[in-house]
């Protein structure tokens, strides 16, 4: 589901049984690019703001625990998306300005990036010129 051009919500399949729940991230099924870097962040302090920049790479964000408000700006449109739970993730294309706010205490985010950190550039504004030509979101 498109949020703004360059940002898409991707529903995740949650497999549940008596043992618990499992979500698998499979490239080109529910993970839209081959990840080059995977990291997580944990936020406990109220009022914390993360991000504040656009990246030269795509990112896929999923909440493992808690919730967060993700504000996105593609240079022409803005939106806020509350992510809570791991049943949906957010695909953010290169060039989208992102702010992460209103973290629930104890929130843990998993982030997959399409570039290694040392190959990633950061910008203080949206860069719609970085959207790939095949970007349909």
N, C-alpha and C. Protein backbone atom coordinates (compact mmCIF):
# COMPACT_ATOMS: atom_id res chain seq x y z
N UNK A 1 0.84 -1.17 0.00
CA UNK A 1 0.00 0.00 0.00
C UNK A 1 0.90 1.24 0.00
N UNK A 2 0.70 2.11 -0.97
CA UNK A 2 1.49 3.33 -1.09
C UNK A 2 1.06 4.35 -0.05
N UNK A 3 2.04 4.97 0.60
CA UNK A 3 1.80 6.03 1.57
C UNK A 3 1.97 7.37 0.86
N UNK A 4 3.14 7.61 0.30
CA UNK A 4 3.46 8.71 -0.61
C UNK A 4 4.41 8.11 -1.63
N UNK A 5 4.66 8.81 -2.73
CA UNK A 5 5.61 8.29 -3.72
C UNK A 5 6.94 8.02 -3.02
N UNK A 6 7.42 6.77 -3.13
CA UNK A 6 8.68 6.39 -2.53
C UNK A 6 8.56 5.70 -1.19
N UNK A 7 7.34 5.57 -0.68
CA UNK A 7 7.13 4.92 0.62
C UNK A 7 5.95 3.96 0.50
N UNK A 8 6.17 2.72 0.92
CA UNK A 8 5.13 1.70 0.78
C UNK A 8 5.07 0.83 2.02
N UNK A 9 3.85 0.53 2.47
CA UNK A 9 3.65 -0.43 3.55
C UNK A 9 3.58 -1.82 2.93
N UNK A 10 4.34 -2.75 3.48
CA UNK A 10 4.34 -4.13 3.00
C UNK A 10 3.85 -5.02 4.14
N UNK A 11 2.72 -5.66 3.92
CA UNK A 11 2.18 -6.58 4.91
C UNK A 11 3.06 -7.80 5.03
N UNK A 12 3.23 -8.26 6.25
CA UNK A 12 4.04 -9.43 6.54
C UNK A 12 3.14 -10.59 6.93
N UNK A 13 3.51 -11.78 6.55
CA UNK A 13 2.76 -12.96 6.94
C UNK A 13 3.29 -13.42 8.29
N UNK A 14 2.40 -13.50 9.27
CA UNK A 14 2.77 -13.95 10.61
C UNK A 14 2.28 -15.39 10.74
N UNK A 15 3.20 -16.30 10.92
CA UNK A 15 2.88 -17.72 11.11
C UNK A 15 2.75 -17.96 12.62
N UNK A 16 1.57 -18.36 13.06
CA UNK A 16 1.30 -18.56 14.48
C UNK A 16 0.93 -20.01 14.75
N UNK A 17 1.44 -20.53 15.85
CA UNK A 17 1.00 -21.83 16.35
C UNK A 17 1.26 -21.85 17.86
N UNK A 18 1.10 -22.99 18.46
CA UNK A 18 1.24 -23.10 19.91
C UNK A 18 2.63 -22.71 20.41
N UNK A 19 3.63 -22.75 19.53
CA UNK A 19 5.01 -22.42 19.93
C UNK A 19 5.29 -20.93 19.90
N UNK A 20 4.43 -20.15 19.24
CA UNK A 20 4.64 -18.71 19.13
C UNK A 20 4.40 -18.22 17.72
N UNK A 21 5.09 -17.14 17.35
CA UNK A 21 4.91 -16.52 16.04
C UNK A 21 6.24 -16.41 15.32
N UNK A 22 6.18 -16.47 13.99
CA UNK A 22 7.36 -16.37 13.15
C UNK A 22 7.03 -15.52 11.94
N UNK A 23 7.92 -14.57 11.62
CA UNK A 23 7.83 -13.78 10.40
C UNK A 23 9.16 -13.93 9.69
N UNK A 24 9.12 -14.38 8.44
CA UNK A 24 10.34 -14.53 7.65
C UNK A 24 10.41 -13.39 6.65
N UNK A 25 11.60 -12.82 6.50
CA UNK A 25 11.83 -11.78 5.49
C UNK A 25 12.52 -12.45 4.30
N UNK A 26 11.79 -12.58 3.22
CA UNK A 26 12.30 -13.22 2.01
C UNK A 26 12.45 -12.18 0.91
N UNK A 27 13.66 -12.12 0.36
CA UNK A 27 13.96 -11.15 -0.69
C UNK A 27 12.97 -11.28 -1.84
N UNK A 28 12.46 -10.14 -2.30
CA UNK A 28 11.53 -10.00 -3.42
C UNK A 28 10.14 -10.56 -3.14
N UNK A 29 9.88 -11.05 -1.93
CA UNK A 29 8.53 -11.43 -1.55
C UNK A 29 7.99 -10.37 -0.58
N UNK A 30 8.57 -10.28 0.59
CA UNK A 30 8.16 -9.25 1.55
C UNK A 30 9.34 -8.39 2.00
N UNK A 31 10.49 -8.60 1.40
CA UNK A 31 11.65 -7.73 1.56
C UNK A 31 12.05 -7.32 0.14
N UNK A 32 11.81 -6.07 -0.23
CA UNK A 32 11.84 -5.67 -1.64
C UNK A 32 13.22 -5.47 -2.28
N UNK A 33 14.28 -5.75 -1.55
CA UNK A 33 15.62 -5.57 -2.11
C UNK A 33 16.56 -6.51 -1.37
N UNK A 34 17.73 -6.81 -1.95
CA UNK A 34 18.71 -7.62 -1.23
C UNK A 34 19.38 -6.78 -0.13
N UNK A 35 19.24 -7.16 1.13
CA UNK A 35 19.84 -6.35 2.19
C UNK A 35 21.36 -6.49 2.20
N UNK A 36 22.02 -5.35 2.34
CA UNK A 36 23.49 -5.31 2.48
C UNK A 36 23.88 -5.06 3.93
N UNK A 37 22.92 -4.53 4.70
CA UNK A 37 23.17 -4.22 6.11
C UNK A 37 21.87 -4.41 6.88
N UNK A 38 21.96 -5.00 8.05
CA UNK A 38 20.80 -5.18 8.92
C UNK A 38 21.21 -4.70 10.31
N UNK A 39 20.37 -3.86 10.92
CA UNK A 39 20.66 -3.40 12.27
C UNK A 39 19.35 -3.22 13.03
N UNK A 40 19.45 -3.09 14.33
CA UNK A 40 18.26 -2.79 15.13
C UNK A 40 18.57 -1.63 16.03
N UNK A 41 17.49 -0.96 16.45
CA UNK A 41 17.64 0.11 17.43
C UNK A 41 16.61 -0.11 18.52
N UNK A 42 17.00 0.21 19.73
CA UNK A 42 16.15 0.11 20.90
C UNK A 42 16.03 1.50 21.51
N UNK A 43 14.80 1.90 21.82
CA UNK A 43 14.57 3.24 22.36
C UNK A 43 13.73 3.12 23.62
N UNK A 44 14.24 3.68 24.72
CA UNK A 44 13.54 3.65 26.00
C UNK A 44 13.10 5.02 26.48
N UNK A 45 13.78 6.07 26.04
CA UNK A 45 13.51 7.41 26.56
C UNK A 45 12.38 8.11 25.81
N UNK A 46 11.37 8.63 26.54
CA UNK A 46 10.31 9.42 25.91
C UNK A 46 10.92 10.68 25.27
N UNK A 47 10.37 11.10 24.17
CA UNK A 47 10.85 12.30 23.50
C UNK A 47 12.00 12.08 22.54
N UNK A 48 12.49 10.86 22.45
CA UNK A 48 13.59 10.55 21.53
C UNK A 48 13.15 10.75 20.09
N UNK A 49 14.01 11.37 19.29
CA UNK A 49 13.78 11.51 17.85
C UNK A 49 15.00 10.93 17.15
N UNK A 50 14.75 10.06 16.18
CA UNK A 50 15.84 9.46 15.39
C UNK A 50 15.63 9.86 13.93
N UNK A 51 16.62 9.58 13.12
CA UNK A 51 16.53 9.91 11.70
C UNK A 51 16.88 11.37 11.48
N UNK A 52 16.00 12.09 10.80
CA UNK A 52 16.25 13.50 10.51
C UNK A 52 17.06 13.69 9.25
N UNK A 53 17.11 12.65 8.41
CA UNK A 53 17.87 12.73 7.17
C UNK A 53 17.28 11.79 6.12
N UNK A 54 17.64 12.03 4.89
CA UNK A 54 17.34 11.10 3.79
C UNK A 54 18.61 10.31 3.53
N UNK A 55 18.45 9.10 3.01
CA UNK A 55 19.58 8.23 2.72
C UNK A 55 19.73 7.99 1.22
N UNK A 56 20.91 7.58 0.83
CA UNK A 56 21.16 7.22 -0.57
C UNK A 56 20.76 5.78 -0.86
N UNK A 57 20.23 5.08 0.15
CA UNK A 57 19.84 3.68 -0.01
C UNK A 57 18.38 3.48 0.39
N UNK A 58 17.82 2.36 -0.03
CA UNK A 58 16.50 1.96 0.43
C UNK A 58 16.63 1.39 1.83
N UNK A 59 15.57 1.55 2.62
CA UNK A 59 15.50 0.92 3.93
C UNK A 59 14.13 0.27 4.10
N UNK A 60 14.12 -0.81 4.86
CA UNK A 60 12.89 -1.49 5.23
C UNK A 60 12.87 -1.54 6.75
N UNK A 61 11.81 -1.01 7.36
CA UNK A 61 11.71 -0.91 8.82
C UNK A 61 10.53 -1.73 9.30
N UNK A 62 10.78 -2.53 10.32
CA UNK A 62 9.71 -3.28 10.97
C UNK A 62 9.89 -3.16 12.48
N UNK A 63 8.77 -3.00 13.18
CA UNK A 63 8.79 -2.91 14.64
C UNK A 63 8.76 -4.33 15.20
N UNK A 64 9.73 -4.65 16.02
CA UNK A 64 9.74 -5.95 16.69
C UNK A 64 8.99 -5.89 18.02
N UNK A 65 9.03 -4.71 18.65
CA UNK A 65 8.36 -4.51 19.93
C UNK A 65 8.04 -3.03 20.06
N UNK A 66 6.86 -2.69 20.57
CA UNK A 66 6.50 -1.31 20.80
C UNK A 66 5.87 -0.65 19.58
N UNK A 67 6.09 0.66 19.45
CA UNK A 67 5.54 1.41 18.32
C UNK A 67 6.33 2.70 18.12
N UNK A 68 6.18 3.25 16.92
CA UNK A 68 6.87 4.49 16.56
C UNK A 68 6.06 5.21 15.48
N UNK A 69 6.12 6.53 15.48
CA UNK A 69 5.55 7.33 14.40
C UNK A 69 6.67 7.61 13.41
N UNK A 70 6.48 7.21 12.17
CA UNK A 70 7.45 7.43 11.10
C UNK A 70 6.92 8.55 10.21
N UNK A 71 7.62 9.68 10.19
CA UNK A 71 7.23 10.80 9.34
C UNK A 71 8.13 10.78 8.11
N UNK A 72 7.51 10.83 6.92
CA UNK A 72 8.25 10.76 5.67
C UNK A 72 7.91 11.98 4.81
N UNK A 73 8.90 12.40 4.02
CA UNK A 73 8.76 13.56 3.14
C UNK A 73 9.53 13.26 1.86
N UNK A 74 8.83 13.22 0.72
CA UNK A 74 9.49 12.92 -0.54
C UNK A 74 9.82 14.18 -1.35
N UNK A 75 9.70 15.34 -0.73
CA UNK A 75 9.98 16.59 -1.42
C UNK A 75 8.73 17.24 -1.98
N UNK A 76 7.63 16.52 -2.05
CA UNK A 76 6.37 17.05 -2.55
C UNK A 76 5.19 16.65 -1.69
N UNK A 77 5.33 15.53 -1.00
CA UNK A 77 4.27 15.02 -0.13
C UNK A 77 4.87 14.62 1.21
N UNK A 78 4.04 14.74 2.25
CA UNK A 78 4.44 14.31 3.59
C UNK A 78 3.35 13.43 4.17
N UNK A 79 3.77 12.51 5.04
CA UNK A 79 2.80 11.65 5.72
C UNK A 79 3.43 11.14 7.00
N UNK A 80 2.56 10.73 7.92
CA UNK A 80 2.99 10.08 9.15
C UNK A 80 2.34 8.72 9.23
N UNK A 81 3.12 7.72 9.58
CA UNK A 81 2.64 6.35 9.67
C UNK A 81 3.03 5.80 11.03
N UNK A 82 2.05 5.31 11.79
CA UNK A 82 2.37 4.67 13.06
C UNK A 82 2.60 3.20 12.79
N UNK A 83 3.82 2.75 13.12
CA UNK A 83 4.14 1.33 13.00
C UNK A 83 4.05 0.72 14.38
N UNK A 84 3.30 -0.37 14.49
CA UNK A 84 3.20 -1.11 15.75
C UNK A 84 2.94 -2.56 15.38
N UNK A 85 3.79 -3.40 15.85
CA UNK A 85 3.67 -4.81 15.52
C UNK A 85 4.49 -5.16 14.29
N UNK A 86 4.76 -6.44 14.14
CA UNK A 86 5.62 -6.91 13.05
C UNK A 86 4.81 -7.49 11.90
N UNK A 87 3.51 -7.19 11.85
CA UNK A 87 2.69 -7.70 10.76
C UNK A 87 2.73 -6.81 9.52
N UNK A 88 3.44 -5.68 9.61
CA UNK A 88 3.65 -4.84 8.43
C UNK A 88 4.96 -4.07 8.59
N UNK A 89 5.62 -3.86 7.47
CA UNK A 89 6.87 -3.13 7.46
C UNK A 89 6.77 -1.94 6.52
N UNK A 90 7.72 -1.05 6.61
CA UNK A 90 7.70 0.16 5.80
C UNK A 90 8.93 0.19 4.89
N UNK A 91 8.70 0.23 3.58
CA UNK A 91 9.76 0.33 2.58
C UNK A 91 9.94 1.80 2.25
N UNK A 92 11.11 2.32 2.56
CA UNK A 92 11.42 3.72 2.33
C UNK A 92 12.52 3.78 1.28
N UNK A 93 12.22 4.38 0.15
CA UNK A 93 13.17 4.44 -0.97
C UNK A 93 14.25 5.50 -0.71
N UNK A 94 15.34 5.35 -1.43
CA UNK A 94 16.42 6.34 -1.37
C UNK A 94 15.85 7.73 -1.64
N UNK A 95 16.34 8.71 -0.88
CA UNK A 95 15.95 10.10 -1.10
C UNK A 95 14.80 10.59 -0.24
N UNK A 96 14.14 9.70 0.49
CA UNK A 96 13.01 10.09 1.34
C UNK A 96 13.54 10.59 2.68
N UNK A 97 13.14 11.78 3.09
CA UNK A 97 13.49 12.32 4.40
C UNK A 97 12.63 11.63 5.45
N UNK A 98 13.24 11.18 6.52
CA UNK A 98 12.53 10.40 7.54
C UNK A 98 12.84 10.92 8.94
N UNK A 99 11.80 10.98 9.76
CA UNK A 99 11.94 11.27 11.19
C UNK A 99 11.20 10.17 11.94
N UNK A 100 11.80 9.64 12.97
CA UNK A 100 11.18 8.64 13.84
C UNK A 100 10.89 9.32 15.17
N UNK A 101 9.61 9.36 15.57
CA UNK A 101 9.19 10.08 16.77
C UNK A 101 8.18 9.25 17.56
N UNK A 102 7.83 9.77 18.71
CA UNK A 102 6.76 9.20 19.54
C UNK A 102 6.96 7.70 19.76
N UNK A 103 8.17 7.34 20.13
CA UNK A 103 8.48 5.96 20.46
C UNK A 103 7.74 5.54 21.73
N UNK A 104 7.15 4.38 21.72
CA UNK A 104 6.66 3.77 22.94
C UNK A 104 7.90 3.27 23.69
N UNK A 105 7.92 3.41 25.00
CA UNK A 105 9.07 2.95 25.78
C UNK A 105 9.33 1.48 25.51
N UNK A 106 10.59 1.13 25.29
CA UNK A 106 10.97 -0.25 25.03
C UNK A 106 10.83 -0.67 23.58
N UNK A 107 10.65 0.29 22.68
CA UNK A 107 10.49 -0.05 21.26
C UNK A 107 11.79 -0.58 20.68
N UNK A 108 11.67 -1.62 19.87
CA UNK A 108 12.80 -2.18 19.14
C UNK A 108 12.42 -2.23 17.65
N UNK A 109 13.26 -1.61 16.82
CA UNK A 109 13.06 -1.59 15.37
C UNK A 109 14.14 -2.42 14.70
N UNK A 110 13.76 -3.17 13.68
CA UNK A 110 14.70 -3.87 12.81
C UNK A 110 14.74 -3.10 11.50
N UNK A 111 15.95 -2.80 11.03
CA UNK A 111 16.10 -2.05 9.78
C UNK A 111 17.01 -2.82 8.84
N UNK A 112 16.55 -3.01 7.61
CA UNK A 112 17.35 -3.61 6.55
C UNK A 112 17.67 -2.50 5.56
N UNK A 113 18.92 -2.39 5.16
CA UNK A 113 19.35 -1.34 4.23
C UNK A 113 19.96 -1.97 2.98
N UNK A 114 19.79 -1.28 1.85
CA UNK A 114 20.28 -1.81 0.58
C UNK A 114 21.75 -1.50 0.33
N UNK A 115 22.38 -0.72 1.23
CA UNK A 115 23.80 -0.40 1.10
C UNK A 115 24.51 -0.60 2.44
N UNK A 116 25.79 -0.85 2.39
CA UNK A 116 26.60 -0.85 3.60
C UNK A 116 26.67 0.56 4.15
N UNK A 117 26.91 0.70 5.45
CA UNK A 117 26.96 2.02 6.06
C UNK A 117 28.00 2.93 5.39
N UNK A 118 29.20 2.39 5.15
CA UNK A 118 30.25 3.23 4.57
C UNK A 118 29.96 3.67 3.14
N UNK A 119 29.00 3.03 2.48
CA UNK A 119 28.60 3.41 1.11
C UNK A 119 27.38 4.31 1.10
N UNK A 120 26.81 4.58 2.27
CA UNK A 120 25.57 5.36 2.37
C UNK A 120 25.86 6.83 2.60
N UNK A 121 25.16 7.67 1.86
CA UNK A 121 25.23 9.12 2.07
C UNK A 121 23.95 9.56 2.78
N UNK A 122 24.08 10.64 3.57
CA UNK A 122 22.94 11.18 4.30
C UNK A 122 22.72 12.62 3.86
N UNK A 123 21.46 13.01 3.73
CA UNK A 123 21.09 14.35 3.25
C UNK A 123 20.11 14.97 4.24
N UNK A 124 20.20 16.29 4.42
CA UNK A 124 19.35 16.97 5.39
C UNK A 124 18.00 17.40 4.80
N UNK A 125 17.71 16.97 3.58
CA UNK A 125 16.42 17.27 2.95
C UNK A 125 16.06 16.10 2.04
N UNK A 126 14.80 16.08 1.61
CA UNK A 126 14.37 15.04 0.68
C UNK A 126 15.13 15.18 -0.63
N UNK A 127 15.43 14.06 -1.26
CA UNK A 127 16.15 14.04 -2.53
C UNK A 127 15.39 13.18 -3.54
N UNK A 128 14.28 13.71 -4.10
CA UNK A 128 13.49 12.91 -5.05
C UNK A 128 14.28 12.50 -6.28
N UNK A 129 15.39 13.17 -6.57
CA UNK A 129 16.22 12.79 -7.70
C UNK A 129 16.90 11.43 -7.49
N UNK A 130 16.87 10.92 -6.25
CA UNK A 130 17.50 9.62 -5.96
C UNK A 130 16.55 8.44 -6.15
N UNK A 131 15.25 8.72 -6.31
CA UNK A 131 14.30 7.61 -6.53
C UNK A 131 14.73 6.86 -7.78
N UNK A 132 14.69 5.55 -7.68
CA UNK A 132 15.02 4.73 -8.86
C UNK A 132 13.94 4.90 -9.92
N UNK A 133 14.34 4.70 -11.17
CA UNK A 133 13.40 4.82 -12.29
C UNK A 133 12.24 3.84 -12.17
N UNK A 134 12.45 2.68 -11.54
CA UNK A 134 11.39 1.68 -11.41
C UNK A 134 10.55 1.86 -10.15
N UNK A 135 10.68 3.03 -9.49
CA UNK A 135 9.95 3.29 -8.26
C UNK A 135 8.48 3.54 -8.58
N UNK A 136 7.61 2.66 -8.11
CA UNK A 136 6.18 2.80 -8.35
C UNK A 136 5.44 3.23 -7.11
N UNK A 137 6.09 3.18 -5.97
CA UNK A 137 5.40 3.53 -4.73
C UNK A 137 5.30 5.04 -4.57
